[in-house]
Amino acid sequence: MRKVLIPILFIILASCLFEEKDYLKIGTNVWPGYEPLYLARELGYFKNVPIHLVEYSSASQVLRAYRNKMINGAALTLDETLLLKDYGFDPVIVLVMDISNGADVIIAREGINSVKDLKGKKVGVENTALGAYVLTRALEKAGLSVNDLEIIPLEIDEHYIWFKKGKVDAVVTFEPVKSKLLAIGGKVIFDSSQIPGEIVDVLVVERSYLNENPDVVRSLISGWFRAVDYMKKNKQEAYKIIVKREKISLKELENAYKGMIIPDKKMNSELIYSKNPKLKKVALRLIKIMQEKKILSSEKFDLDRMFYNEYLAGM
């Protein structure tokens, strides 16, 4: 009996080490670019660190959870981060997780060969800033506007079935849905490589949590870089873990990573861990476009507060 009680007591005591307020609760949706987070957890890099990963079915749900204060950290696109800032939150960018270089796409059915061919057609798009941004930029390049087509709001988990049933003529989507749509005859008519550097995924932490728990955030970042390094050195082992979570084939995962760049510590240093972060230029361009399209209501943003440039100072 004594041998049984000791492990049980240890578990109970361990669970009491951290209070709920101490936990960094990070919201994500399904996206290969976010997988190093889950890989880090699987490999034990977050062991004994109060980090809790919460997976949602869409980016829209992640944003809602953040706004409802159910989470205090999130994996988001840069434009979604700007939206949170616009809503009155104080998100701090602590990592650039990936840069889309063809991973975000507009996929159309047979007979639609270009963005210009979308005129008068039904286009499914997730009701987020990213979906609106990708579609708007694609239409701008084709000399069209959203008034030239019928917009169908769809969550990411609805893209495949609506497209397959012919309820929409095209969708603005990303992996793992992208590969599934291509497998049933979909055709890419626009991708993020045509707007280089504009679609960026970042990891943000609300400033109030960061100020009170800097060590937890530093452990989070270090664990991420360890996982990215593991992926480079042990690609096959890492991919075996990732495909199980993503529920896609190894080939689909490899294709997904071909369409993105996952910045290492050196690249992150240039993008955000500096006095003059390169990501600031991208953010300024995004703000201008989003304000023009009335996606943002605020006229001014204190961008300097949004970058966690203290990370390397403590290394």
C-alpha atoms as a PDB file:
ATOM      1  CA  MET A   1       0.000   0.000   0.000  1.00  0.00           C
ATOM      2  CA  ARG A   2       2.823   2.383   0.863  1.00  0.00           C
ATOM      3  CA  LYS A   3       4.477   1.834  -2.550  1.00  0.00           C
ATOM      4  CA  VAL A   4       1.215   2.713  -4.275  1.00  0.00           C
ATOM      5  CA  LEU A   5       0.570   5.838  -2.196  1.00  0.00           C
ATOM      6  CA  ILE A   6       3.960   7.436  -2.810  1.00  0.00           C
ATOM      7  CA  PRO A   7       3.528   7.871  -6.603  1.00  0.00           C
ATOM      8  CA  ILE A   8      -0.043   9.109  -6.098  1.00  0.00           C
ATOM      9  CA  LEU A   9       1.069  11.667  -3.523  1.00  0.00           C
ATOM     10  CA  PHE A  10       3.868  12.776  -5.818  1.00  0.00           C
ATOM     11  CA  ILE A  11       1.407  13.399  -8.670  1.00  0.00           C
ATOM     12  CA  ILE A  12      -0.895  15.379  -6.368  1.00  0.00           C
ATOM     13  CA  LEU A  13       1.981  17.472  -5.054  1.00  0.00           C
ATOM     14  CA  ALA A  14       3.315  18.093  -8.574  1.00  0.00           C
ATOM     15  CA  SER A  15      -0.073  19.303  -9.750  1.00  0.00           C
ATOM     16  CA  CYS A  16      -0.128  21.839  -6.926  1.00  0.00           C
ATOM     17  CA  LEU A  17       3.229  23.391  -7.804  1.00  0.00           C
ATOM     18  CA  PHE A  18       1.610  25.907 -10.128  1.00  0.00           C
ATOM     19  CA  GLU A  19      -1.583  27.859  -9.717  1.00  0.00           C
ATOM     20  CA  GLU A  20      -3.930  28.425 -12.660  1.00  0.00           C
ATOM     21  CA  LYS A  21      -2.761  32.031 -13.032  1.00  0.00           C
ATOM     22  CA  ASP A  22       0.837  30.839 -13.459  1.00  0.00           C
ATOM     23  CA  TYR A  23       0.093  28.797 -16.571  1.00  0.00           C
ATOM     24  CA  LEU A  24       0.894  30.061 -20.022  1.00  0.00           C
ATOM     25  CA  LYS A  25      -2.080  28.820 -22.039  1.00  0.00           C
ATOM     26  CA  ILE A  26      -1.259  28.939 -25.738  1.00  0.00           C
ATOM     27  CA  GLY A  27      -4.005  28.589 -28.314  1.00  0.00           C
ATOM     28  CA  THR A  28      -3.278  27.149 -31.769  1.00  0.00           C
ATOM     29  CA  ASN A  29      -5.169  25.753 -34.723  1.00  0.00           C
ATOM     30  CA  VAL A  30      -4.026  22.891 -36.954  1.00  0.00           C
ATOM     31  CA  TRP A  31      -1.117  24.131 -39.074  1.00  0.00           C
ATOM     32  CA  PRO A  32       2.263  22.467 -39.803  1.00  0.00           C
ATOM     33  CA  GLY A  33       4.088  25.700 -39.021  1.00  0.00           C
ATOM     34  CA  TYR A  34       2.958  25.449 -35.394  1.00  0.00           C
ATOM     35  CA  GLU A  35       4.031  21.828 -34.946  1.00  0.00           C
ATOM     36  CA  PRO A  36       7.440  22.530 -33.332  1.00  0.00           C
ATOM     37  CA  LEU A  37       5.417  23.602 -30.261  1.00  0.00           C
ATOM     38  CA  TYR A  38       3.807  20.186 -29.984  1.00  0.00           C
ATOM     39  CA  LEU A  39       7.054  18.466 -30.888  1.00  0.00           C
ATOM     40  CA  ALA A  40       8.757  20.312 -28.018  1.00  0.00           C
ATOM     41  CA  ARG A  41       6.044  19.072 -25.671  1.00  0.00           C
ATOM     42  CA  GLU A  42       6.367  15.503 -26.998  1.00  0.00           C
ATOM     43  CA  LEU A  43      10.147  15.564 -26.517  1.00  0.00           C
ATOM     44  CA  GLY A  44       9.821  16.820 -22.935  1.00  0.00           C
ATOM     45  CA  TYR A  45      11.295  20.269 -23.548  1.00  0.00           C
ATOM     46  CA  PHE A  46       8.488  21.868 -21.531  1.00  0.00           C
ATOM     47  CA  LYS A  47       8.761  19.408 -18.652  1.00  0.00           C
ATOM     48  CA  ASN A  48       8.105  21.053 -15.268  1.00  0.00           C
ATOM     49  CA  VAL A  49       7.288  24.351 -17.018  1.00  0.00           C
ATOM     50  CA  PRO A  50       3.706  25.665 -16.635  1.00  0.00           C
ATOM     51  CA  ILE A  51       2.881  25.658 -20.354  1.00  0.00           C
ATOM     52  CA  HIS A  52      -0.427  24.348 -21.630  1.00  0.00           C
ATOM     53  CA  LEU A  53      -1.110  24.001 -25.355  1.00  0.00           C
ATOM     54  CA  VAL A  54      -4.769  24.351 -26.353  1.00  0.00           C
ATOM     55  CA  GLU A  55      -5.757  23.274 -29.867  1.00  0.00           C
ATOM     56  CA  TYR A  56      -8.759  24.805 -31.612  1.00  0.00           C
ATOM     57  CA  SER A  57     -10.303  23.883 -34.960  1.00  0.00           C
ATOM     58  CA  SER A  58      -9.757  27.305 -36.542  1.00  0.00           C
ATOM     59  CA  ALA A  59      -7.897  30.598 -36.205  1.00  0.00           C
ATOM     60  CA  SER A  60     -11.243  32.284 -35.572  1.00  0.00           C
ATOM     61  CA  GLN A  61     -11.717  30.182 -32.446  1.00  0.00           C
ATOM     62  CA  VAL A  62      -8.199  31.018 -31.254  1.00  0.00           C
ATOM     63  CA  LEU A  63      -8.948  34.730 -31.578  1.00  0.00           C
ATOM     64  CA  ARG A  64     -12.243  34.336 -29.734  1.00  0.00           C
ATOM     65  CA  ALA A  65     -10.531  32.431 -26.931  1.00  0.00           C
ATOM     66  CA  TYR A  66      -7.909  35.176 -26.600  1.00  0.00           C
ATOM     67  CA  ARG A  67     -10.534  37.906 -26.571  1.00  0.00           C
ATOM     68  CA  ASN A  68     -12.498  35.979 -23.925  1.00  0.00           C
ATOM     69  CA  LYS A  69      -9.282  35.608 -21.863  1.00  0.00           C
ATOM     70  CA  MET A  70      -9.452  31.826 -21.933  1.00  0.00           C
ATOM     71  CA  ILE A  71      -5.826  31.831 -23.130  1.00  0.00           C
ATOM     72  CA  ASN A  72      -2.954  34.271 -22.614  1.00  0.00           C
ATOM     73  CA  GLY A  73      -0.826  33.247 -25.569  1.00  0.00           C
ATOM     74  CA  ALA A  74      -1.514  32.266 -29.166  1.00  0.00           C
ATOM     75  CA  ALA A  75      -0.066  31.198 -32.494  1.00  0.00           C
ATOM     76  CA  LEU A  76      -1.429  33.735 -34.972  1.00  0.00           C
ATOM     77  CA  THR A  77      -0.745  35.405 -38.276  1.00  0.00           C
ATOM     78  CA  LEU A  78       0.742  38.887 -38.008  1.00  0.00           C
ATOM     79  CA  ASP A  79      -2.484  40.492 -39.213  1.00  0.00           C
ATOM     80  CA  GLU A  80      -4.468  38.643 -36.523  1.00  0.00           C
ATOM     81  CA  THR A  81      -2.005  39.977 -33.939  1.00  0.00           C
ATOM     82  CA  LEU A  82      -2.680  43.489 -35.185  1.00  0.00           C
ATOM     83  CA  LEU A  83      -6.388  42.801 -34.817  1.00  0.00           C
ATOM     84  CA  LEU A  84      -5.892  41.873 -31.154  1.00  0.00           C
ATOM     85  CA  LYS A  85      -3.999  45.125 -30.678  1.00  0.00           C
ATOM     86  CA  ASP A  86      -6.890  46.919 -32.360  1.00  0.00           C
ATOM     87  CA  TYR A  87      -9.312  45.241 -29.926  1.00  0.00           C
ATOM     88  CA  GLY A  88      -7.423  46.747 -26.979  1.00  0.00           C
ATOM     89  CA  PHE A  89      -5.207  43.810 -25.978  1.00  0.00           C
ATOM     90  CA  ASP A  90      -1.436  44.042 -25.532  1.00  0.00           C
ATOM     91  CA  PRO A  91       0.064  41.020 -27.359  1.00  0.00           C
ATOM     92  CA  VAL A  92       3.858  40.783 -27.500  1.00  0.00           C
ATOM     93  CA  ILE A  93       5.466  38.911 -30.397  1.00  0.00           C
ATOM     94  CA  VAL A  94       7.977  36.501 -28.850  1.00  0.00           C
ATOM     95  CA  LEU A  95       8.639  34.312 -31.909  1.00  0.00           C
ATOM     96  CA  VAL A  96       8.288  34.297 -35.668  1.00  0.00           C
ATOM     97  CA  MET A  97       7.118  30.726 -36.168  1.00  0.00           C
ATOM     98  CA  ASP A  98       6.974  30.556 -39.950  1.00  0.00           C
ATOM     99  CA  ILE A  99       6.869  32.668 -43.081  1.00  0.00           C
ATOM    100  CA  SER A 100       4.448  31.522 -45.744  1.00  0.00           C
ATOM    101  CA  ASN A 101       6.106  31.123 -49.126  1.00  0.00           C
ATOM    102  CA  GLY A 102       3.364  29.371 -51.078  1.00  0.00           C
ATOM    103  CA  ALA A 103       1.581  27.590 -48.233  1.00  0.00           C
ATOM    104  CA  ASP A 104      -1.446  29.930 -48.207  1.00  0.00           C
ATOM    105  CA  VAL A 105      -3.427  29.545 -51.404  1.00  0.00           C
ATOM    106  CA  ILE A 106      -6.580  30.120 -53.380  1.00  0.00           C
ATOM    107  CA  ILE A 107      -7.716  26.812 -54.854  1.00  0.00           C
ATOM    108  CA  ALA A 108     -10.336  26.691 -57.576  1.00  0.00           C
ATOM    109  CA  ARG A 109     -12.219  23.951 -59.349  1.00  0.00           C
ATOM    110  CA  GLU A 110     -11.711  22.817 -62.937  1.00  0.00           C
ATOM    111  CA  GLY A 111     -12.375  25.510 -65.510  1.00  0.00           C
ATOM    112  CA  ILE A 112     -11.150  28.380 -63.324  1.00  0.00           C
ATOM    113  CA  ASN A 113      -7.570  29.045 -64.363  1.00  0.00           C
ATOM    114  CA  SER A 114      -6.794  32.437 -62.829  1.00  0.00           C
ATOM    115  CA  VAL A 115      -7.949  34.890 -60.177  1.00  0.00           C
ATOM    116  CA  LYS A 116      -9.604  36.927 -62.947  1.00  0.00           C
ATOM    117  CA  ASP A 117     -11.849  33.922 -63.633  1.00  0.00           C
ATOM    118  CA  LEU A 118     -13.336  34.260 -60.132  1.00  0.00           C
ATOM    119  CA  LYS A 119     -15.523  37.146 -61.267  1.00  0.00           C
ATOM    120  CA  GLY A 120     -19.127  36.281 -60.439  1.00  0.00           C
ATOM    121  CA  LYS A 121     -18.088  33.073 -58.648  1.00  0.00           C
ATOM    122  CA  LYS A 122     -18.635  31.821 -55.083  1.00  0.00           C
ATOM    123  CA  VAL A 123     -15.461  31.931 -52.985  1.00  0.00           C
ATOM    124  CA  GLY A 124     -15.222  30.357 -49.532  1.00  0.00           C
ATOM    125  CA  VAL A 125     -13.006  32.159 -47.038  1.00  0.00           C
ATOM    126  CA  GLU A 126     -12.487  31.937 -43.302  1.00  0.00           C
ATOM    127  CA  ASN A 127     -13.874  34.967 -41.508  1.00  0.00           C
ATOM    128  CA  THR A 128     -10.475  36.187 -40.323  1.00  0.00           C
ATOM    129  CA  ALA A 129      -8.128  38.992 -41.266  1.00  0.00           C
ATOM    130  CA  LEU A 130      -5.786  36.501 -42.973  1.00  0.00           C
ATOM    131  CA  GLY A 131      -8.467  35.128 -45.263  1.00  0.00           C
ATOM    132  CA  ALA A 132      -9.628  38.624 -46.133  1.00  0.00           C
ATOM    133  CA  TYR A 133      -6.051  39.799 -46.626  1.00  0.00           C
ATOM    134  CA  VAL A 134      -4.994  36.976 -48.971  1.00  0.00           C
ATOM    135  CA  LEU A 135      -8.153  37.312 -51.036  1.00  0.00           C
ATOM    136  CA  THR A 136      -7.905  41.111 -51.185  1.00  0.00           C
ATOM    137  CA  ARG A 137      -4.257  41.042 -52.286  1.00  0.00           C
ATOM    138  CA  ALA A 138      -4.999  38.397 -54.940  1.00  0.00           C
ATOM    139  CA  LEU A 139      -7.937  40.393 -56.282  1.00  0.00           C
ATOM    140  CA  GLU A 140      -5.881  43.595 -56.313  1.00  0.00           C
ATOM    141  CA  LYS A 141      -3.252  41.938 -58.494  1.00  0.00           C
ATOM    142  CA  ALA A 142      -5.991  40.718 -60.847  1.00  0.00           C
ATOM    143  CA  GLY A 143      -7.728  44.088 -61.036  1.00  0.00           C
ATOM    144  CA  LEU A 144     -10.828  42.878 -59.187  1.00  0.00           C
ATOM    145  CA  SER A 145     -12.517  43.665 -55.857  1.00  0.00           C
ATOM    146  CA  VAL A 146     -14.589  41.654 -53.385  1.00  0.00           C
ATOM    147  CA  ASN A 147     -17.692  43.195 -54.983  1.00  0.00           C
ATOM    148  CA  ASP A 148     -16.921  41.211 -58.132  1.00  0.00           C
ATOM    149  CA  LEU A 149     -17.637  37.863 -56.460  1.00  0.00           C
ATOM    150  CA  GLU A 150     -19.842  36.199 -53.874  1.00  0.00           C
ATOM    151  CA  ILE A 151     -18.079  35.688 -50.542  1.00  0.00           C
ATOM    152  CA  ILE A 152     -19.088  32.580 -48.563  1.00  0.00           C
ATOM    153  CA  PRO A 153     -17.833  32.687 -44.916  1.00  0.00           C
ATOM    154  CA  LEU A 154     -16.451  29.241 -44.034  1.00  0.00           C
ATOM    155  CA  GLU A 155     -14.450  27.891 -41.107  1.00  0.00           C
ATOM    156  CA  ILE A 156     -11.292  26.008 -42.138  1.00  0.00           C
ATOM    157  CA  ASP A 157     -12.858  22.636 -41.262  1.00  0.00           C
ATOM    158  CA  GLU A 158     -15.666  23.349 -43.759  1.00  0.00           C
ATOM    159  CA  HIS A 159     -13.456  24.091 -46.773  1.00  0.00           C
ATOM    160  CA  TYR A 160     -13.031  20.512 -47.987  1.00  0.00           C
ATOM    161  CA  ILE A 161     -16.645  19.382 -47.829  1.00  0.00           C
ATOM    162  CA  TRP A 162     -18.064  22.581 -49.381  1.00  0.00           C
ATOM    163  CA  PHE A 163     -15.551  22.418 -52.214  1.00  0.00           C
ATOM    164  CA  LYS A 164     -16.115  18.703 -52.796  1.00  0.00           C
ATOM    165  CA  LYS A 165     -19.895  19.148 -52.928  1.00  0.00           C
ATOM    166  CA  GLY A 166     -19.574  22.038 -55.363  1.00  0.00           C
ATOM    167  CA  LYS A 167     -21.085  24.627 -53.040  1.00  0.00           C
ATOM    168  CA  VAL A 168     -18.186  26.985 -53.734  1.00  0.00           C
ATOM    169  CA  ASP A 169     -16.080  27.578 -56.837  1.00  0.00           C
ATOM    170  CA  ALA A 170     -12.907  28.339 -54.920  1.00  0.00           C
ATOM    171  CA  VAL A 171     -11.565  28.623 -51.356  1.00  0.00           C
ATOM    172  CA  VAL A 172      -8.850  30.612 -49.621  1.00  0.00           C
ATOM    173  CA  THR A 173      -7.130  27.915 -47.582  1.00  0.00           C
ATOM    174  CA  PHE A 174      -3.891  26.334 -46.320  1.00  0.00           C
ATOM    175  CA  GLU A 175      -2.460  23.000 -45.182  1.00  0.00           C
ATOM    176  CA  PRO A 176      -3.578  20.389 -44.359  1.00  0.00           C
ATOM    177  CA  VAL A 177      -6.713  21.243 -46.374  1.00  0.00           C
ATOM    178  CA  LYS A 178      -4.644  22.402 -49.353  1.00  0.00           C
ATOM    179  CA  SER A 179      -3.282  18.912 -50.111  1.00  0.00           C
ATOM    180  CA  LYS A 180      -6.704  17.328 -49.674  1.00  0.00           C
ATOM    181  CA  LEU A 181      -8.290  19.712 -52.183  1.00  0.00           C
ATOM    182  CA  LEU A 182      -5.500  19.182 -54.702  1.00  0.00           C
ATOM    183  CA  ALA A 183      -6.083  15.437 -54.404  1.00  0.00           C
ATOM    184  CA  ILE A 184      -9.694  15.831 -55.599  1.00  0.00           C
ATOM    185  CA  GLY A 185      -8.890  18.009 -58.586  1.00  0.00           C
ATOM    186  CA  GLY A 186      -8.472  21.477 -57.111  1.00  0.00           C
ATOM    187  CA  LYS A 187      -6.059  23.892 -58.786  1.00  0.00           C
ATOM    188  CA  VAL A 188      -3.915  26.592 -57.164  1.00  0.00           C
ATOM    189  CA  ILE A 189      -4.599  29.931 -58.863  1.00  0.00           C
ATOM    190  CA  PHE A 190      -2.824  32.116 -56.270  1.00  0.00           C
ATOM    191  CA  ASP A 191      -0.356  31.508 -53.456  1.00  0.00           C
ATOM    192  CA  SER A 192       1.552  33.512 -50.874  1.00  0.00           C
ATOM    193  CA  SER A 193       4.825  33.352 -52.829  1.00  0.00           C
ATOM    194  CA  GLN A 194       3.258  36.063 -54.993  1.00  0.00           C
ATOM    195  CA  ILE A 195       3.198  38.389 -51.961  1.00  0.00           C
ATOM    196  CA  PRO A 196       6.569  37.454 -50.381  1.00  0.00           C
ATOM    197  CA  GLY A 197       7.079  38.189 -46.705  1.00  0.00           C
ATOM    198  CA  GLU A 198       3.516  39.394 -46.148  1.00  0.00           C
ATOM    199  CA  ILE A 199       2.045  36.276 -44.509  1.00  0.00           C
ATOM    200  CA  VAL A 200       3.863  35.621 -41.242  1.00  0.00           C
ATOM    201  CA  ASP A 201       2.881  33.406 -38.304  1.00  0.00           C
ATOM    202  CA  VAL A 202       3.966  34.583 -34.871  1.00  0.00           C
ATOM    203  CA  LEU A 203       3.699  33.426 -31.283  1.00  0.00           C
ATOM    204  CA  VAL A 204       2.315  36.091 -28.977  1.00  0.00           C
ATOM    205  CA  VAL A 205       1.987  36.362 -25.206  1.00  0.00           C
ATOM    206  CA  GLU A 206      -0.159  38.952 -23.456  1.00  0.00           C
ATOM    207  CA  ARG A 207       2.121  41.550 -21.858  1.00  0.00           C
ATOM    208  CA  SER A 208       0.628  41.196 -18.368  1.00  0.00           C
ATOM    209  CA  TYR A 209       1.618  37.504 -18.306  1.00  0.00           C
ATOM    210  CA  LEU A 210       5.034  38.170 -19.820  1.00  0.00           C
ATOM    211  CA  ASN A 211       5.837  40.831 -17.212  1.00  0.00           C
ATOM    212  CA  GLU A 212       4.894  38.512 -14.339  1.00  0.00           C
ATOM    213  CA  ASN A 213       6.382  35.282 -15.749  1.00  0.00           C
ATOM    214  CA  PRO A 214       9.396  36.109 -17.945  1.00  0.00           C
ATOM    215  CA  ASP A 215      11.158  32.818 -17.131  1.00  0.00           C
ATOM    216  CA  VAL A 216       8.223  30.769 -18.413  1.00  0.00           C
ATOM    217  CA  VAL A 217       8.241  32.688 -21.689  1.00  0.00           C
ATOM    218  CA  ARG A 218      11.997  32.245 -22.041  1.00  0.00           C
ATOM    219  CA  SER A 219      11.575  28.491 -21.476  1.00  0.00           C
ATOM    220  CA  LEU A 220       8.882  28.461 -24.135  1.00  0.00           C
ATOM    221  CA  ILE A 221      11.143  30.146 -26.685  1.00  0.00           C
ATOM    222  CA  SER A 222      14.133  27.945 -25.837  1.00  0.00           C
ATOM    223  CA  GLY A 223      11.990  24.811 -26.130  1.00  0.00           C
ATOM    224  CA  TRP A 224      10.765  25.958 -29.536  1.00  0.00           C
ATOM    225  CA  PHE A 225      14.302  26.481 -30.869  1.00  0.00           C
ATOM    226  CA  ARG A 226      15.353  23.073 -29.503  1.00  0.00           C
ATOM    227  CA  ALA A 227      12.435  21.476 -31.353  1.00  0.00           C
ATOM    228  CA  VAL A 228      13.283  23.298 -34.604  1.00  0.00           C
ATOM    229  CA  ASP A 229      16.871  22.101 -34.257  1.00  0.00           C
ATOM    230  CA  TYR A 230      15.644  18.561 -33.612  1.00  0.00           C
ATOM    231  CA  MET A 231      13.563  18.712 -36.814  1.00  0.00           C
ATOM    232  CA  LYS A 232      16.650  19.659 -38.820  1.00  0.00           C
ATOM    233  CA  LYS A 233      18.858  16.937 -37.345  1.00  0.00           C
ATOM    234  CA  ASN A 234      16.225  14.199 -36.987  1.00  0.00           C
ATOM    235  CA  LYS A 235      13.804  14.964 -39.816  1.00  0.00           C
ATOM    236  CA  GLN A 236      12.260  11.521 -40.241  1.00  0.00           C
ATOM    237  CA  GLU A 237      11.718  10.969 -36.501  1.00  0.00           C
ATOM    238  CA  ALA A 238      10.174  14.441 -36.126  1.00  0.00           C
ATOM    239  CA  TYR A 239       7.920  14.005 -39.150  1.00  0.00           C
ATOM    240  CA  LYS A 240       6.596  10.681 -37.836  1.00  0.00           C
ATOM    241  CA  ILE A 241       5.390  12.491 -34.724  1.00  0.00           C
ATOM    242  CA  ILE A 242       3.940  15.417 -36.670  1.00  0.00           C
ATOM    243  CA  VAL A 243       1.958  13.434 -39.275  1.00  0.00           C
ATOM    244  CA  LYS A 244       0.089  11.616 -36.511  1.00  0.00           C
ATOM    245  CA  ARG A 245      -1.100  14.918 -35.065  1.00  0.00           C
ATOM    246  CA  GLU A 246      -1.804  16.613 -38.388  1.00  0.00           C
ATOM    247  CA  LYS A 247      -3.525  13.496 -39.761  1.00  0.00           C
ATOM    248  CA  ILE A 248      -1.870  13.882 -43.152  1.00  0.00           C
ATOM    249  CA  SER A 249       0.591  11.743 -45.105  1.00  0.00           C
ATOM    250  CA  LEU A 250       4.339  12.172 -44.982  1.00  0.00           C
ATOM    251  CA  LYS A 251       4.305  13.464 -48.565  1.00  0.00           C
ATOM    252  CA  GLU A 252       1.628  16.044 -47.713  1.00  0.00           C
ATOM    253  CA  LEU A 253       3.666  17.228 -44.731  1.00  0.00           C
ATOM    254  CA  GLU A 254       6.828  17.536 -46.810  1.00  0.00           C
ATOM    255  CA  ASN A 255       4.917  19.551 -49.422  1.00  0.00           C
ATOM    256  CA  ALA A 256       3.564  21.801 -46.675  1.00  0.00           C
ATOM    257  CA  TYR A 257       7.045  22.586 -45.379  1.00  0.00           C
ATOM    258  CA  LYS A 258       8.228  23.331 -48.918  1.00  0.00           C
ATOM    259  CA  GLY A 259       5.778  26.229 -48.882  1.00  0.00           C
ATOM    260  CA  MET A 260       7.110  27.881 -45.738  1.00  0.00           C
ATOM    261  CA  ILE A 261      10.246  29.049 -43.997  1.00  0.00           C
ATOM    262  CA  ILE A 262      10.704  28.249 -40.299  1.00  0.00           C
ATOM    263  CA  PRO A 263      13.109  30.884 -38.934  1.00  0.00           C
ATOM    264  CA  ASP A 264      15.857  29.758 -36.571  1.00  0.00           C
ATOM    265  CA  LYS A 265      17.234  31.816 -33.684  1.00  0.00           C
ATOM    266  CA  LYS A 266      19.487  33.843 -35.990  1.00  0.00           C
ATOM    267  CA  MET A 267      16.624  34.817 -38.293  1.00  0.00           C
ATOM    268  CA  ASN A 268      14.375  35.591 -35.321  1.00  0.00           C
ATOM    269  CA  SER A 269      17.128  37.838 -33.998  1.00  0.00           C
ATOM    270  CA  GLU A 270      16.904  39.899 -37.173  1.00  0.00           C
ATOM    271  CA  LEU A 271      13.109  39.821 -37.321  1.00  0.00           C
ATOM    272  CA  ILE A 272      12.182  40.665 -33.722  1.00  0.00           C
ATOM    273  CA  TYR A 273      15.053  40.369 -31.190  1.00  0.00           C
ATOM    274  CA  SER A 274      16.698  43.670 -32.144  1.00  0.00           C
ATOM    275  CA  LYS A 275      16.308  47.402 -31.636  1.00  0.00           C
ATOM    276  CA  ASN A 276      15.179  47.768 -35.242  1.00  0.00           C
ATOM    277  CA  PRO A 277      13.268  44.540 -36.000  1.00  0.00           C
ATOM    278  CA  LYS A 278      12.800  43.751 -39.696  1.00  0.00           C
ATOM    279  CA  LEU A 279       9.279  42.515 -39.008  1.00  0.00           C
ATOM    280  CA  LYS A 280       8.306  46.077 -38.160  1.00  0.00           C
ATOM    281  CA  LYS A 281       8.454  47.018 -41.847  1.00  0.00           C
ATOM    282  CA  VAL A 282       6.134  44.133 -42.707  1.00  0.00           C
ATOM    283  CA  ALA A 283       3.763  45.171 -39.916  1.00  0.00           C
ATOM    284  CA  LEU A 284       3.671  48.765 -41.158  1.00  0.00           C
ATOM    285  CA  ARG A 285       2.776  47.577 -44.658  1.00  0.00           C
ATOM    286  CA  LEU A 286       0.063  45.325 -43.264  1.00  0.00           C
ATOM    287  CA  ILE A 287      -1.371  48.104 -41.114  1.00  0.00           C
ATOM    288  CA  LYS A 288      -1.627  50.409 -44.115  1.00  0.00           C
ATOM    289  CA  ILE A 289      -3.447  47.810 -46.210  1.00  0.00           C
ATOM    290  CA  MET A 290      -5.726  46.726 -43.365  1.00  0.00           C
ATOM    291  CA  GLN A 291      -6.641  50.337 -42.577  1.00  0.00           C
ATOM    292  CA  GLU A 292      -7.398  51.024 -46.219  1.00  0.00           C
ATOM    293  CA  LYS A 293      -9.686  47.979 -46.279  1.00  0.00           C
ATOM    294  CA  LYS A 294     -11.206  49.076 -42.940  1.00  0.00           C
ATOM    295  CA  ILE A 295     -10.133  45.815 -41.269  1.00  0.00           C
ATOM    296  CA  LEU A 296      -8.506  47.952 -38.552  1.00  0.00           C
ATOM    297  CA  SER A 297     -10.178  50.890 -36.826  1.00  0.00           C
ATOM    298  CA  SER A 298      -7.195  52.344 -34.909  1.00  0.00           C
ATOM    299  CA  GLU A 299      -5.154  55.013 -36.676  1.00  0.00           C
ATOM    300  CA  LYS A 300      -1.979  54.581 -34.596  1.00  0.00           C
ATOM    301  CA  PHE A 301      -0.117  51.533 -33.294  1.00  0.00           C
ATOM    302  CA  ASP A 302       2.791  51.471 -30.856  1.00  0.00           C
ATOM    303  CA  LEU A 303       4.691  48.782 -32.751  1.00  0.00           C
ATOM    304  CA  ASP A 304       7.827  49.035 -30.604  1.00  0.00           C
ATOM    305  CA  ARG A 305       5.890  47.550 -27.672  1.00  0.00           C
ATOM    306  CA  MET A 306       4.895  44.549 -29.768  1.00  0.00           C
ATOM    307  CA  PHE A 307       8.361  43.010 -30.140  1.00  0.00           C
ATOM    308  CA  TYR A 308      10.058  40.964 -27.431  1.00  0.00           C
ATOM    309  CA  ASN A 309      13.596  42.240 -27.968  1.00  0.00           C
ATOM    310  CA  GLU A 310      14.684  41.370 -24.409  1.00  0.00           C
ATOM    311  CA  TYR A 311      15.069  37.654 -25.178  1.00  0.00           C
ATOM    312  CA  LEU A 312      18.697  37.689 -26.353  1.00  0.00           C
ATOM    313  CA  ALA A 313      19.694  40.146 -23.619  1.00  0.00           C
ATOM    314  CA  GLY A 314      19.465  37.374 -21.040  1.00  0.00           C
ATOM    315  CA  MET A 315      21.286  34.746 -23.078  1.00  0.00           C
END
